[in-house]
Amino acid sequence: METRARSIVKAVIWNVIGLLMMCLVGFLATGSVKVGGAMALINAAIGLASYVVYERVWAQVRWGRHA
């Protein structure tokens, strides 16, 4: 089982990667750094919260683990 701190660090790193990719996609789609950045920040906030919850739920699932 992971600690909460580990789950959060993993989520933050994953979201930084996602933030950079979303900035690029937003910029390419809109041609605006400002709009692309706003899209990326909103996406990152939603994604971070969702990922932390997802990881904590899976941490409680025993299926597929070996003792």
N, C-alpha and C. Protein backbone atom coordinates (compact mmCIF):
# COMPACT_ATOMS: atom_id res chain seq x y z
N MET A 1 0.85 -1.18 0.00
CA MET A 1 0.00 0.00 0.00
C MET A 1 0.90 1.24 0.00
N GLU A 2 0.46 2.24 -0.73
CA GLU A 2 1.20 3.50 -0.80
C GLU A 2 0.75 4.45 0.29
N THR A 3 1.65 5.33 0.66
CA THR A 3 1.25 6.40 1.58
C THR A 3 0.51 7.47 0.79
N ARG A 4 -0.22 8.29 1.49
CA ARG A 4 -0.92 9.40 0.83
C ARG A 4 0.07 10.35 0.18
N ALA A 5 1.18 10.59 0.86
CA ALA A 5 2.19 11.51 0.32
C ALA A 5 2.72 11.00 -1.03
N ARG A 6 2.99 9.71 -1.12
CA ARG A 6 3.48 9.14 -2.38
C ARG A 6 2.44 9.29 -3.49
N SER A 7 1.18 9.01 -3.16
CA SER A 7 0.11 9.15 -4.15
C SER A 7 0.02 10.59 -4.64
N ILE A 8 0.17 11.54 -3.74
CA ILE A 8 0.08 12.95 -4.11
C ILE A 8 1.26 13.37 -4.98
N VAL A 9 2.47 12.94 -4.61
CA VAL A 9 3.66 13.28 -5.41
C VAL A 9 3.52 12.70 -6.82
N LYS A 10 3.09 11.45 -6.92
CA LYS A 10 2.89 10.84 -8.24
C LYS A 10 1.86 11.63 -9.04
N ALA A 11 0.79 12.04 -8.41
CA ALA A 11 -0.26 12.78 -9.09
C ALA A 11 0.25 14.14 -9.56
N VAL A 12 1.04 14.81 -8.75
CA VAL A 12 1.57 16.13 -9.12
C VAL A 12 2.49 16.00 -10.33
N ILE A 13 3.39 15.03 -10.30
CA ILE A 13 4.32 14.84 -11.42
C ILE A 13 3.55 14.52 -12.70
N TRP A 14 2.58 13.63 -12.58
CA TRP A 14 1.77 13.27 -13.74
C TRP A 14 1.03 14.49 -14.28
N ASN A 15 0.53 15.32 -13.39
CA ASN A 15 -0.21 16.50 -13.83
C ASN A 15 0.69 17.56 -14.44
N VAL A 16 1.93 17.67 -14.01
CA VAL A 16 2.86 18.60 -14.66
C VAL A 16 3.07 18.18 -16.11
N ILE A 17 3.24 16.89 -16.32
CA ILE A 17 3.38 16.38 -17.69
C ILE A 17 2.12 16.70 -18.49
N GLY A 18 0.97 16.42 -17.91
CA GLY A 18 -0.30 16.71 -18.57
C GLY A 18 -0.50 18.19 -18.83
N LEU A 19 -0.09 19.02 -17.88
CA LEU A 19 -0.21 20.46 -18.03
C LEU A 19 0.58 20.96 -19.24
N LEU A 20 1.79 20.48 -19.37
CA LEU A 20 2.61 20.88 -20.51
C LEU A 20 2.00 20.44 -21.84
N MET A 21 1.50 19.21 -21.87
CA MET A 21 0.88 18.70 -23.10
C MET A 21 -0.41 19.48 -23.42
N MET A 22 -1.20 19.77 -22.40
CA MET A 22 -2.45 20.50 -22.62
C MET A 22 -2.19 21.94 -23.05
N CYS A 23 -1.14 22.55 -22.52
CA CYS A 23 -0.75 23.90 -22.98
C CYS A 23 -0.45 23.88 -24.48
N LEU A 24 0.30 22.88 -24.89
CA LEU A 24 0.66 22.76 -26.30
C LEU A 24 -0.59 22.53 -27.16
N VAL A 25 -1.44 21.60 -26.75
CA VAL A 25 -2.66 21.32 -27.50
C VAL A 25 -3.57 22.55 -27.54
N GLY A 26 -3.74 23.21 -26.39
CA GLY A 26 -4.56 24.41 -26.34
C GLY A 26 -4.03 25.51 -27.24
N PHE A 27 -2.73 25.69 -27.24
CA PHE A 27 -2.12 26.70 -28.11
C PHE A 27 -2.32 26.35 -29.58
N LEU A 28 -2.08 25.08 -29.92
CA LEU A 28 -2.24 24.67 -31.31
C LEU A 28 -3.70 24.77 -31.77
N ALA A 29 -4.64 24.50 -30.87
CA ALA A 29 -6.06 24.55 -31.22
C ALA A 29 -6.59 25.97 -31.33
N THR A 30 -6.07 26.87 -30.48
CA THR A 30 -6.64 28.22 -30.44
C THR A 30 -5.72 29.29 -31.00
N GLY A 31 -4.44 29.02 -31.03
CA GLY A 31 -3.48 30.03 -31.47
C GLY A 31 -3.18 31.06 -30.39
N SER A 32 -3.73 30.85 -29.20
CA SER A 32 -3.55 31.80 -28.10
C SER A 32 -2.86 31.12 -26.92
N VAL A 33 -1.76 31.71 -26.48
CA VAL A 33 -1.06 31.18 -25.32
C VAL A 33 -1.94 31.33 -24.07
N LYS A 34 -2.64 32.46 -23.97
CA LYS A 34 -3.48 32.73 -22.80
C LYS A 34 -4.63 31.72 -22.69
N VAL A 35 -5.34 31.51 -23.77
CA VAL A 35 -6.47 30.56 -23.75
C VAL A 35 -5.95 29.14 -23.56
N GLY A 36 -4.88 28.80 -24.24
CA GLY A 36 -4.28 27.47 -24.09
C GLY A 36 -3.83 27.22 -22.67
N GLY A 37 -3.24 28.23 -22.04
CA GLY A 37 -2.80 28.10 -20.64
C GLY A 37 -3.96 27.96 -19.68
N ALA A 38 -5.03 28.72 -19.92
CA ALA A 38 -6.22 28.62 -19.07
C ALA A 38 -6.85 27.24 -19.19
N MET A 39 -6.93 26.74 -20.41
CA MET A 39 -7.47 25.38 -20.61
C MET A 39 -6.63 24.36 -19.86
N ALA A 40 -5.32 24.52 -19.94
CA ALA A 40 -4.42 23.58 -19.28
C ALA A 40 -4.56 23.62 -17.77
N LEU A 41 -4.69 24.81 -17.19
CA LEU A 41 -4.82 24.92 -15.73
C LEU A 41 -6.11 24.30 -15.23
N ILE A 42 -7.20 24.54 -15.94
CA ILE A 42 -8.48 23.95 -15.56
C ILE A 42 -8.41 22.43 -15.66
N ASN A 43 -7.85 21.96 -16.75
CA ASN A 43 -7.69 20.51 -16.94
C ASN A 43 -6.81 19.90 -15.85
N ALA A 44 -5.73 20.57 -15.50
CA ALA A 44 -4.82 20.05 -14.48
C ALA A 44 -5.48 19.97 -13.11
N ALA A 45 -6.25 20.97 -12.76
CA ALA A 45 -6.93 20.98 -11.46
C ALA A 45 -7.93 19.83 -11.36
N ILE A 46 -8.72 19.64 -12.41
CA ILE A 46 -9.69 18.55 -12.41
C ILE A 46 -8.98 17.21 -12.43
N GLY A 47 -7.96 17.10 -13.25
CA GLY A 47 -7.20 15.85 -13.36
C GLY A 47 -6.50 15.47 -12.07
N LEU A 48 -5.93 16.44 -11.38
CA LEU A 48 -5.22 16.16 -10.12
C LEU A 48 -6.18 15.60 -9.08
N ALA A 49 -7.31 16.25 -8.91
CA ALA A 49 -8.29 15.79 -7.92
C ALA A 49 -8.80 14.39 -8.28
N SER A 50 -9.09 14.18 -9.54
CA SER A 50 -9.60 12.88 -9.98
C SER A 50 -8.56 11.78 -9.78
N TYR A 51 -7.32 12.07 -10.10
CA TYR A 51 -6.26 11.07 -9.99
C TYR A 51 -5.99 10.68 -8.55
N VAL A 52 -5.98 11.62 -7.64
CA VAL A 52 -5.75 11.32 -6.23
C VAL A 52 -6.86 10.41 -5.71
N VAL A 53 -8.09 10.73 -6.03
CA VAL A 53 -9.21 9.88 -5.60
C VAL A 53 -9.08 8.50 -6.23
N TYR A 54 -8.79 8.44 -7.50
CA TYR A 54 -8.62 7.17 -8.22
C TYR A 54 -7.54 6.30 -7.58
N GLU A 55 -6.40 6.88 -7.29
CA GLU A 55 -5.29 6.13 -6.66
C GLU A 55 -5.67 5.62 -5.28
N ARG A 56 -6.35 6.43 -4.49
CA ARG A 56 -6.73 6.02 -3.13
C ARG A 56 -7.77 4.90 -3.18
N VAL A 57 -8.68 4.95 -4.13
CA VAL A 57 -9.66 3.87 -4.27
C VAL A 57 -8.95 2.58 -4.64
N TRP A 58 -8.07 2.62 -5.62
CA TRP A 58 -7.35 1.42 -6.04
C TRP A 58 -6.42 0.89 -4.94
N ALA A 59 -5.95 1.75 -4.08
CA ALA A 59 -5.10 1.30 -2.97
C ALA A 59 -5.88 0.39 -2.03
N GLN A 60 -7.20 0.52 -2.00
CA GLN A 60 -8.04 -0.30 -1.14
C GLN A 60 -8.48 -1.61 -1.79
N VAL A 61 -8.28 -1.74 -3.09
CA VAL A 61 -8.69 -2.94 -3.82
C VAL A 61 -7.62 -4.01 -3.68
N ARG A 62 -8.00 -5.18 -3.20
CA ARG A 62 -7.04 -6.27 -3.01
C ARG A 62 -6.86 -7.14 -4.24
N TRP A 63 -7.78 -7.06 -5.18
CA TRP A 63 -7.73 -7.88 -6.38
C TRP A 63 -6.41 -7.69 -7.13
N GLY A 64 -5.81 -8.81 -7.53
CA GLY A 64 -4.60 -8.75 -8.34
C GLY A 64 -3.31 -8.56 -7.56
N ARG A 65 -3.38 -8.55 -6.26
CA ARG A 65 -2.16 -8.39 -5.42
C ARG A 65 -1.73 -9.75 -4.90
N HIS A 66 -0.44 -9.88 -4.75
CA HIS A 66 0.12 -11.09 -4.14
C HIS A 66 0.54 -10.77 -2.72
N ALA A 67 0.32 -11.73 -1.84
CA ALA A 67 0.67 -11.52 -0.42
C ALA A 67 2.16 -11.55 -0.20
